[in-house]
Full PDB file with SEQRES, HELIX, SHEET, SSBOND, CRYST1, ORIGX, SCALE, CONECT and MASTER records, all heavy atoms in Angstrom:
SEQRES   1 A   33  ALA ILE ARG VAL TRP PRO ALA ASP PRO PRO ARG ASP PRO          
SEQRES   2 A   33  LYS GLY TRP LEU VAL THR VAL ALA TRP ARG ARG PHE LEU          
SEQRES   3 A   33  ASP ALA ALA ARG ALA ASP ALA                                  
HELIX    1 AA1 PRO A   13  ALA A   31  1                                  19    
CRYST1    1.000    1.000    1.000  90.00  90.00  90.00 P 1           1          
ORIGX1      1.000000  0.000000  0.000000        0.00000                         
ORIGX2      0.000000  1.000000  0.000000        0.00000                         
ORIGX3      0.000000  0.000000  1.000000        0.00000                         
SCALE1      1.000000  0.000000  0.000000        0.00000                         
SCALE2      0.000000  1.000000  0.000000        0.00000                         
SCALE3      0.000000  0.000000  1.000000        0.00000                         
ATOM      1  N   ALA A   1      30.143 132.354 -91.654  1.00  0.00           N  
ATOM      2  CA  ALA A   1      31.535 132.290 -91.983  1.00  0.00           C  
ATOM      3  C   ALA A   1      32.027 130.889 -92.273  1.00  0.00           C  
ATOM      4  O   ALA A   1      32.765 130.608 -93.195  1.00  0.00           O  
ATOM      5  CB  ALA A   1      32.331 132.947 -90.882  1.00  0.00           C  
ATOM      6  N   ILE A   2      31.501 130.003 -91.413  1.00  0.00           N  
ATOM      7  CA  ILE A   2      31.943 128.593 -91.617  1.00  0.00           C  
ATOM      8  C   ILE A   2      31.333 128.055 -92.970  1.00  0.00           C  
ATOM      9  O   ILE A   2      32.056 127.282 -93.632  1.00  0.00           O  
ATOM     10  CB  ILE A   2      31.319 127.714 -90.397  1.00  0.00           C  
ATOM     11  CG1 ILE A   2      32.040 128.049 -89.131  1.00  0.00           C  
ATOM     12  CG2 ILE A   2      31.415 126.207 -90.726  1.00  0.00           C  
ATOM     13  CD1 ILE A   2      31.464 127.422 -87.894  1.00  0.00           C  
ATOM     14  N   ARG A   3      30.196 128.552 -93.389  1.00  0.00           N  
ATOM     15  CA  ARG A   3      29.674 128.158 -94.684  1.00  0.00           C  
ATOM     16  C   ARG A   3      30.403 128.762 -95.832  1.00  0.00           C  
ATOM     17  O   ARG A   3      30.637 128.117 -96.862  1.00  0.00           O  
ATOM     18  CB  ARG A   3      28.188 128.481 -94.690  1.00  0.00           C  
ATOM     19  CG  ARG A   3      27.438 127.937 -95.960  1.00  0.00           C  
ATOM     20  CD  ARG A   3      25.988 128.390 -95.913  1.00  0.00           C  
ATOM     21  NE  ARG A   3      25.850 129.840 -96.124  1.00  0.00           N  
ATOM     22  CZ  ARG A   3      25.855 130.447 -97.375  1.00  0.00           C  
ATOM     23  NH1 ARG A   3      25.942 129.603 -98.527  1.00  0.00           N  
ATOM     24  NH2 ARG A   3      25.742 131.746 -97.534  1.00  0.00           N  
ATOM     25  N   VAL A   4      30.718 130.039 -95.746  1.00  0.00           N  
ATOM     26  CA  VAL A   4      31.173 130.808 -96.930  1.00  0.00           C  
ATOM     27  C   VAL A   4      32.666 130.896 -97.044  1.00  0.00           C  
ATOM     28  O   VAL A   4      33.195 130.738 -98.142  1.00  0.00           O  
ATOM     29  CB  VAL A   4      30.630 132.287 -96.853  1.00  0.00           C  
ATOM     30  CG1 VAL A   4      31.260 133.168 -97.918  1.00  0.00           C  
ATOM     31  CG2 VAL A   4      29.123 132.299 -96.957  1.00  0.00           C  
ATOM     32  N   TRP A   5      33.465 131.019 -95.900  1.00  0.00           N  
ATOM     33  CA  TRP A   5      34.863 131.345 -96.068  1.00  0.00           C  
ATOM     34  C   TRP A   5      35.709 130.214 -96.767  1.00  0.00           C  
ATOM     35  O   TRP A   5      36.612 130.592 -97.414  1.00  0.00           O  
ATOM     36  CB  TRP A   5      35.469 131.541 -94.667  1.00  0.00           C  
ATOM     37  CG  TRP A   5      34.984 132.870 -94.091  1.00  0.00           C  
ATOM     38  CD1 TRP A   5      34.126 133.765 -94.510  1.00  0.00           C  
ATOM     39  CD2 TRP A   5      35.548 133.496 -92.890  1.00  0.00           C  
ATOM     40  NE1 TRP A   5      34.019 134.870 -93.788  1.00  0.00           N  
ATOM     41  CE2 TRP A   5      34.937 134.727 -92.719  1.00  0.00           C  
ATOM     42  CE3 TRP A   5      36.523 133.058 -91.933  1.00  0.00           C  
ATOM     43  CZ2 TRP A   5      35.178 135.611 -91.641  1.00  0.00           C  
ATOM     44  CZ3 TRP A   5      36.764 133.915 -90.923  1.00  0.00           C  
ATOM     45  CH2 TRP A   5      36.140 135.197 -90.777  1.00  0.00           C  
ATOM     46  N   PRO A   6      35.406 128.969 -96.569  1.00  0.00           N  
ATOM     47  CA  PRO A   6      36.287 127.997 -97.280  1.00  0.00           C  
ATOM     48  C   PRO A   6      36.380 128.212 -98.762  1.00  0.00           C  
ATOM     49  O   PRO A   6      37.443 128.010 -99.379  1.00  0.00           O  
ATOM     50  CB  PRO A   6      35.599 126.634 -96.933  1.00  0.00           C  
ATOM     51  CG  PRO A   6      34.900 126.870 -95.646  1.00  0.00           C  
ATOM     52  CD  PRO A   6      34.395 128.250 -95.705  1.00  0.00           C  
ATOM     53  N   ALA A   7      35.235 128.679 -99.393  1.00  0.00           N  
ATOM     54  CA  ALA A   7      35.317 128.923-100.866  1.00  0.00           C  
ATOM     55  C   ALA A   7      35.639 130.365-101.190  1.00  0.00           C  
ATOM     56  O   ALA A   7      36.196 130.561-102.250  1.00  0.00           O  
ATOM     57  CB  ALA A   7      33.839 128.583-101.479  1.00  0.00           C  
ATOM     58  N   ASP A   8      35.420 131.293-100.282  1.00  0.00           N  
ATOM     59  CA  ASP A   8      35.575 132.688-100.563  1.00  0.00           C  
ATOM     60  C   ASP A   8      36.096 133.415 -99.304  1.00  0.00           C  
ATOM     61  O   ASP A   8      35.341 134.170 -98.727  1.00  0.00           O  
ATOM     62  CB  ASP A   8      34.285 133.306-101.068  1.00  0.00           C  
ATOM     63  CG  ASP A   8      34.450 134.759-101.538  1.00  0.00           C  
ATOM     64  OD1 ASP A   8      35.614 135.143-101.805  1.00  0.00           O  
ATOM     65  OD2 ASP A   8      33.454 135.531-101.602  1.00  0.00           O  
ATOM     66  N   PRO A   9      37.386 133.193 -98.946  1.00  0.00           N  
ATOM     67  CA  PRO A   9      37.873 133.813 -97.670  1.00  0.00           C  
ATOM     68  C   PRO A   9      37.980 135.330 -97.812  1.00  0.00           C  
ATOM     69  O   PRO A   9      38.416 135.879 -98.868  1.00  0.00           O  
ATOM     70  CB  PRO A   9      39.294 133.152 -97.509  1.00  0.00           C  
ATOM     71  CG  PRO A   9      39.579 132.754 -98.900  1.00  0.00           C  
ATOM     72  CD  PRO A   9      38.340 132.349 -99.541  1.00  0.00           C  
ATOM     73  N   PRO A  10      37.577 136.065 -96.783  1.00  0.00           N  
ATOM     74  CA  PRO A  10      37.550 137.521 -96.914  1.00  0.00           C  
ATOM     75  C   PRO A  10      38.961 138.090 -96.688  1.00  0.00           C  
ATOM     76  O   PRO A  10      39.832 137.467 -95.969  1.00  0.00           O  
ATOM     77  CB  PRO A  10      36.611 137.983 -95.785  1.00  0.00           C  
ATOM     78  CG  PRO A  10      36.787 136.898 -94.746  1.00  0.00           C  
ATOM     79  CD  PRO A  10      36.928 135.598 -95.493  1.00  0.00           C  
ATOM     80  N   ARG A  11      39.253 139.230 -97.212  1.00  0.00           N  
ATOM     81  CA  ARG A  11      40.549 139.899 -96.938  1.00  0.00           C  
ATOM     82  C   ARG A  11      40.603 140.427 -95.518  1.00  0.00           C  
ATOM     83  O   ARG A  11      41.736 140.427 -94.932  1.00  0.00           O  
ATOM     84  CB  ARG A  11      40.752 141.052 -97.927  1.00  0.00           C  
ATOM     85  CG  ARG A  11      40.975 140.669 -99.369  1.00  0.00           C  
ATOM     86  CD  ARG A  11      41.482 141.741-100.256  1.00  0.00           C  
ATOM     87  NE  ARG A  11      40.524 142.923-100.257  1.00  0.00           N  
ATOM     88  CZ  ARG A  11      39.508 142.964-101.077  1.00  0.00           C  
ATOM     89  NH1 ARG A  11      39.386 141.942-102.053  1.00  0.00           N  
ATOM     90  NH2 ARG A  11      38.592 143.920-101.114  1.00  0.00           N  
ATOM     91  N   ASP A  12      39.506 140.757 -94.974  1.00  0.00           N  
ATOM     92  CA  ASP A  12      39.498 141.319 -93.636  1.00  0.00           C  
ATOM     93  C   ASP A  12      38.374 140.589 -92.762  1.00  0.00           C  
ATOM     94  O   ASP A  12      37.251 140.899 -92.757  1.00  0.00           O  
ATOM     95  CB  ASP A  12      39.050 142.883 -93.733  1.00  0.00           C  
ATOM     96  CG  ASP A  12      38.924 143.471 -92.269  1.00  0.00           C  
ATOM     97  OD1 ASP A  12      39.482 142.848 -91.314  1.00  0.00           O  
ATOM     98  OD2 ASP A  12      38.216 144.511 -92.125  1.00  0.00           O  
ATOM     99  N   PRO A  13      38.850 139.482 -92.173  1.00  0.00           N  
ATOM    100  CA  PRO A  13      37.846 138.678 -91.495  1.00  0.00           C  
ATOM    101  C   PRO A  13      37.048 139.374 -90.422  1.00  0.00           C  
ATOM    102  O   PRO A  13      35.836 139.166 -90.338  1.00  0.00           O  
ATOM    103  CB  PRO A  13      38.770 137.545 -90.827  1.00  0.00           C  
ATOM    104  CG  PRO A  13      40.026 137.514 -91.672  1.00  0.00           C  
ATOM    105  CD  PRO A  13      40.202 138.902 -92.068  1.00  0.00           C  
ATOM    106  N   LYS A  14      37.696 140.209 -89.576  1.00  0.00           N  
ATOM    107  CA  LYS A  14      36.915 140.861 -88.580  1.00  0.00           C  
ATOM    108  C   LYS A  14      35.889 141.854 -89.186  1.00  0.00           C  
ATOM    109  O   LYS A  14      34.786 141.939 -88.736  1.00  0.00           O  
ATOM    110  CB  LYS A  14      37.880 141.703 -87.676  1.00  0.00           C  
ATOM    111  CG  LYS A  14      37.156 142.435 -86.552  1.00  0.00           C  
ATOM    112  CD  LYS A  14      38.100 143.117 -85.677  1.00  0.00           C  
ATOM    113  CE  LYS A  14      37.396 144.007 -84.651  1.00  0.00           C  
ATOM    114  NZ  LYS A  14      38.296 144.810 -83.754  1.00  0.00           N  
ATOM    115  N   GLY A  15      36.317 142.630 -90.207  1.00  0.00           N  
ATOM    116  CA  GLY A  15      35.348 143.532 -90.972  1.00  0.00           C  
ATOM    117  C   GLY A  15      34.231 142.691 -91.484  1.00  0.00           C  
ATOM    118  O   GLY A  15      33.027 143.179 -91.390  1.00  0.00           O  
ATOM    119  N   TRP A  16      34.431 141.627 -92.029  1.00  0.00           N  
ATOM    120  CA  TRP A  16      33.382 140.821 -92.620  1.00  0.00           C  
ATOM    121  C   TRP A  16      32.399 140.347 -91.543  1.00  0.00           C  
ATOM    122  O   TRP A  16      31.132 140.386 -91.697  1.00  0.00           O  
ATOM    123  CB  TRP A  16      34.015 139.570 -93.285  1.00  0.00           C  
ATOM    124  CG  TRP A  16      33.149 138.755 -94.189  1.00  0.00           C  
ATOM    125  CD1 TRP A  16      32.911 138.723 -95.519  1.00  0.00           C  
ATOM    126  CD2 TRP A  16      32.193 137.716 -93.661  1.00  0.00           C  
ATOM    127  NE1 TRP A  16      32.008 137.772 -95.931  1.00  0.00           N  
ATOM    128  CE2 TRP A  16      31.565 137.135 -94.796  1.00  0.00           C  
ATOM    129  CE3 TRP A  16      31.919 137.163 -92.427  1.00  0.00           C  
ATOM    130  CZ2 TRP A  16      30.606 136.098 -94.714  1.00  0.00           C  
ATOM    131  CZ3 TRP A  16      31.002 136.135 -92.279  1.00  0.00           C  
ATOM    132  CH2 TRP A  16      30.291 135.620 -93.457  1.00  0.00           C  
ATOM    133  N   LEU A  17      32.956 139.889 -90.445  1.00  0.00           N  
ATOM    134  CA  LEU A  17      32.099 139.337 -89.306  1.00  0.00           C  
ATOM    135  C   LEU A  17      31.262 140.524 -88.687  1.00  0.00           C  
ATOM    136  O   LEU A  17      30.087 140.349 -88.423  1.00  0.00           O  
ATOM    137  CB  LEU A  17      32.974 138.689 -88.262  1.00  0.00           C  
ATOM    138  CG  LEU A  17      33.517 137.354 -88.605  1.00  0.00           C  
ATOM    139  CD1 LEU A  17      34.549 136.956 -87.477  1.00  0.00           C  
ATOM    140  CD2 LEU A  17      32.439 136.314 -88.592  1.00  0.00           C  
ATOM    141  N   VAL A  18      31.899 141.738 -88.552  1.00  0.00           N  
ATOM    142  CA  VAL A  18      31.135 142.845 -88.055  1.00  0.00           C  
ATOM    143  C   VAL A  18      29.980 143.219 -88.948  1.00  0.00           C  
ATOM    144  O   VAL A  18      28.873 143.482 -88.504  1.00  0.00           O  
ATOM    145  CB  VAL A  18      32.087 144.035 -87.803  1.00  0.00           C  
ATOM    146  CG1 VAL A  18      31.285 145.307 -87.556  1.00  0.00           C  
ATOM    147  CG2 VAL A  18      33.036 143.768 -86.653  1.00  0.00           C  
ATOM    148  N   THR A  19      30.249 143.258 -90.274  1.00  0.00           N  
ATOM    149  CA  THR A  19      29.180 143.650 -91.175  1.00  0.00           C  
ATOM    150  C   THR A  19      28.038 142.639 -91.160  1.00  0.00           C  
ATOM    151  O   THR A  19      26.912 143.043 -91.094  1.00  0.00           O  
ATOM    152  CB  THR A  19      29.785 143.715 -92.619  1.00  0.00           C  
ATOM    153  OG1 THR A  19      30.781 144.754 -92.638  1.00  0.00           O  
ATOM    154  CG2 THR A  19      28.750 144.112 -93.630  1.00  0.00           C  
ATOM    155  N   VAL A  20      28.359 141.358 -91.247  1.00  0.00           N  
ATOM    156  CA  VAL A  20      27.309 140.358 -91.230  1.00  0.00           C  
ATOM    157  C   VAL A  20      26.543 140.309 -89.943  1.00  0.00           C  
ATOM    158  O   VAL A  20      25.310 140.228 -89.927  1.00  0.00           O  
ATOM    159  CB  VAL A  20      27.891 138.953 -91.561  1.00  0.00           C  
ATOM    160  CG1 VAL A  20      26.792 137.896 -91.420  1.00  0.00           C  
ATOM    161  CG2 VAL A  20      28.441 138.915 -92.967  1.00  0.00           C  
ATOM    162  N   ALA A  21      27.318 140.424 -88.781  1.00  0.00           N  
ATOM    163  CA  ALA A  21      26.642 140.390 -87.526  1.00  0.00           C  
ATOM    164  C   ALA A  21      25.753 141.586 -87.272  1.00  0.00           C  
ATOM    165  O   ALA A  21      24.639 141.513 -86.737  1.00  0.00           O  
ATOM    166  CB  ALA A  21      27.600 140.243 -86.413  1.00  0.00           C  
ATOM    167  N   TRP A  22      26.212 142.751 -87.731  1.00  0.00           N  
ATOM    168  CA  TRP A  22      25.383 143.945 -87.633  1.00  0.00           C  
ATOM    169  C   TRP A  22      24.087 143.864 -88.379  1.00  0.00           C  
ATOM    170  O   TRP A  22      23.083 144.277 -87.958  1.00  0.00           O  
ATOM    171  CB  TRP A  22      26.278 145.148 -88.009  1.00  0.00           C  
ATOM    172  CG  TRP A  22      25.548 146.525 -87.843  1.00  0.00           C  
ATOM    173  CD1 TRP A  22      25.037 147.311 -88.800  1.00  0.00           C  
ATOM    174  CD2 TRP A  22      25.287 147.124 -86.613  1.00  0.00           C  
ATOM    175  NE1 TRP A  22      24.465 148.385 -88.251  1.00  0.00           N  
ATOM    176  CE2 TRP A  22      24.622 148.331 -86.868  1.00  0.00           C  
ATOM    177  CE3 TRP A  22      25.625 146.802 -85.299  1.00  0.00           C  
ATOM    178  CZ2 TRP A  22      24.221 149.168 -85.838  1.00  0.00           C  
ATOM    179  CZ3 TRP A  22      25.271 147.680 -84.271  1.00  0.00           C  
ATOM    180  CH2 TRP A  22      24.586 148.810 -84.531  1.00  0.00           C  
ATOM    181  N   ARG A  23      24.210 143.336 -89.622  1.00  0.00           N  
ATOM    182  CA  ARG A  23      23.062 143.148 -90.428  1.00  0.00           C  
ATOM    183  C   ARG A  23      22.014 142.122 -89.742  1.00  0.00           C  
ATOM    184  O   ARG A  23      20.842 142.397 -89.802  1.00  0.00           O  
ATOM    185  CB  ARG A  23      23.362 142.638 -91.830  1.00  0.00           C  
ATOM    186  CG  ARG A  23      24.046 143.678 -92.695  1.00  0.00           C  
ATOM    187  CD  ARG A  23      24.605 143.076 -93.969  1.00  0.00           C  
ATOM    188  NE  ARG A  23      25.215 144.142 -94.818  1.00  0.00           N  
ATOM    189  CZ  ARG A  23      26.028 143.864 -95.808  1.00  0.00           C  
ATOM    190  NH1 ARG A  23      26.391 142.600 -96.044  1.00  0.00           N  
ATOM    191  NH2 ARG A  23      26.545 144.877 -96.539  1.00  0.00           N  
ATOM    192  N   ARG A  24      22.565 141.049 -89.127  1.00  0.00           N  
ATOM    193  CA  ARG A  24      21.711 140.136 -88.451  1.00  0.00           C  
ATOM    194  C   ARG A  24      21.088 140.894 -87.279  1.00  0.00           C  
ATOM    195  O   ARG A  24      19.877 140.630 -87.001  1.00  0.00           O  
ATOM    196  CB  ARG A  24      22.595 138.938 -87.931  1.00  0.00           C  
ATOM    197  CG  ARG A  24      23.085 138.031 -89.042  1.00  0.00           C  
ATOM    198  CD  ARG A  24      21.984 137.365 -89.754  1.00  0.00           C  
ATOM    199  NE  ARG A  24      22.468 136.258 -90.524  1.00  0.00           N  
ATOM    200  CZ  ARG A  24      22.996 136.422 -91.759  1.00  0.00           C  
ATOM    201  NH1 ARG A  24      22.948 137.605 -92.353  1.00  0.00           N  
ATOM    202  NH2 ARG A  24      23.438 135.387 -92.470  1.00  0.00           N  
ATOM    203  N   PHE A  25      21.811 141.667 -86.539  1.00  0.00           N  
ATOM    204  CA  PHE A  25      21.154 142.402 -85.448  1.00  0.00           C  
ATOM    205  C   PHE A  25      20.135 143.322 -85.920  1.00  0.00           C  
ATOM    206  O   PHE A  25      18.990 143.373 -85.328  1.00  0.00           O  
ATOM    207  CB  PHE A  25      22.302 143.288 -84.738  1.00  0.00           C  
ATOM    208  CG  PHE A  25      21.674 144.287 -83.816  1.00  0.00           C  
ATOM    209  CD1 PHE A  25      21.051 143.987 -82.648  1.00  0.00           C  
ATOM    210  CD2 PHE A  25      21.747 145.593 -84.181  1.00  0.00           C  
ATOM    211  CE1 PHE A  25      20.452 144.936 -81.870  1.00  0.00           C  
ATOM    212  CE2 PHE A  25      21.216 146.564 -83.433  1.00  0.00           C  
ATOM    213  CZ  PHE A  25      20.553 146.310 -82.250  1.00  0.00           C  
ATOM    214  N   LEU A  26      20.318 144.106 -87.001  1.00  0.00           N  
ATOM    215  CA  LEU A  26      19.291 144.948 -87.459  1.00  0.00           C  
ATOM    216  C   LEU A  26      18.049 144.226 -87.923  1.00  0.00           C  
ATOM    217  O   LEU A  26      16.942 144.668 -87.727  1.00  0.00           O  
ATOM    218  CB  LEU A  26      19.890 145.855 -88.660  1.00  0.00           C  
ATOM    219  CG  LEU A  26      21.003 146.828 -88.249  1.00  0.00           C  
ATOM    220  CD1 LEU A  26      21.512 147.563 -89.541  1.00  0.00           C  
ATOM    221  CD2 LEU A  26      20.401 147.813 -87.273  1.00  0.00           C  
ATOM    222  N   ASP A  27      18.298 143.079 -88.549  1.00  0.00           N  
ATOM    223  CA  ASP A  27      17.108 142.283 -88.951  1.00  0.00           C  
ATOM    224  C   ASP A  27      16.291 141.908 -87.722  1.00  0.00           C  
ATOM    225  O   ASP A  27      15.065 141.907 -87.696  1.00  0.00           O  
ATOM    226  CB  ASP A  27      17.570 141.025 -89.692  1.00  0.00           C  
ATOM    227  CG  ASP A  27      18.044 141.328 -91.028  1.00  0.00           C  
ATOM    228  OD1 ASP A  27      17.827 142.455 -91.536  1.00  0.00           O  
ATOM    229  OD2 ASP A  27      18.837 140.449 -91.638  1.00  0.00           O  
ATOM    230  N   ALA A  28      16.949 141.461 -86.659  1.00  0.00           N  
ATOM    231  CA  ALA A  28      16.258 141.083 -85.422  1.00  0.00           C  
ATOM    232  C   ALA A  28      15.552 142.285 -84.764  1.00  0.00           C  
ATOM    233  O   ALA A  28      14.393 142.112 -84.299  1.00  0.00           O  
ATOM    234  CB  ALA A  28      17.164 140.395 -84.446  1.00  0.00           C  
ATOM    235  N   ALA A  29      16.229 143.414 -84.872  1.00  0.00           N  
ATOM    236  CA  ALA A  29      15.647 144.648 -84.252  1.00  0.00           C  
ATOM    237  C   ALA A  29      14.345 145.017 -84.949  1.00  0.00           C  
ATOM    238  O   ALA A  29      13.360 145.435 -84.292  1.00  0.00           O  
ATOM    239  CB  ALA A  29      16.660 145.700 -84.223  1.00  0.00           C  
ATOM    240  N   ARG A  30      14.414 144.931 -86.322  1.00  0.00           N  
ATOM    241  CA  ARG A  30      13.213 145.344 -87.089  1.00  0.00           C  
ATOM    242  C   ARG A  30      12.059 144.401 -86.792  1.00  0.00           C  
ATOM    243  O   ARG A  30      10.897 144.763 -86.750  1.00  0.00           O  
ATOM    244  CB  ARG A  30      13.518 145.307 -88.561  1.00  0.00           C  
ATOM    245  CG  ARG A  30      14.588 146.366 -88.964  1.00  0.00           C  
ATOM    246  CD  ARG A  30      14.737 146.368 -90.488  1.00  0.00           C  
ATOM    247  NE  ARG A  30      15.910 147.124 -90.915  1.00  0.00           N  
ATOM    248  CZ  ARG A  30      17.029 146.518 -91.280  1.00  0.00           C  
ATOM    249  NH1 ARG A  30      17.157 145.200 -91.290  1.00  0.00           N  
ATOM    250  NH2 ARG A  30      18.069 147.235 -91.662  1.00  0.00           N  
ATOM    251  N   ALA A  31      12.351 143.112 -86.643  1.00  0.00           N  
ATOM    252  CA  ALA A  31      11.340 142.085 -86.381  1.00  0.00           C  
ATOM    253  C   ALA A  31      10.696 142.203 -85.027  1.00  0.00           C  
ATOM    254  O   ALA A  31       9.588 141.703 -84.764  1.00  0.00           O  
ATOM    255  CB  ALA A  31      11.895 140.730 -86.626  1.00  0.00           C  
ATOM    256  N   ASP A  32      11.377 142.869 -84.061  1.00  0.00           N  
ATOM    257  CA  ASP A  32      10.911 142.850 -82.661  1.00  0.00           C  
ATOM    258  C   ASP A  32      10.293 144.221 -82.369  1.00  0.00           C  
ATOM    259  O   ASP A  32      10.948 145.259 -82.344  1.00  0.00           O  
ATOM    260  CB  ASP A  32      12.090 142.546 -81.778  1.00  0.00           C  
ATOM    261  CG  ASP A  32      11.610 142.401 -80.300  1.00  0.00           C  
ATOM    262  OD1 ASP A  32      10.466 142.750 -79.976  1.00  0.00           O  
ATOM    263  OD2 ASP A  32      12.405 141.885 -79.507  1.00  0.00           O  
ATOM    264  N   ALA A  33       8.960 144.216 -82.193  1.00  0.00           N  
ATOM    265  CA  ALA A  33       8.233 145.547 -81.975  1.00  0.00           C  
ATOM    266  C   ALA A  33       8.762 146.269 -80.715  1.00  0.00           C  
ATOM    267  O   ALA A  33       8.757 147.468 -80.688  1.00  0.00           O  
ATOM    268  CB  ALA A  33       6.762 145.223 -81.790  1.00  0.00           C  
TER     269      ALA A  33                                                      
MASTER        0    0    0    1    0    0    0    6  268    1    0    3          
END                                                                             
């Protein structure tokens, strides 16, 4: 968010954070046997 928002602020900050964080979690879950 710190990297992206200054140039492209989201309409729904919480929804954006949930979506990105959930994807990061899923990536970590797949990588961990």
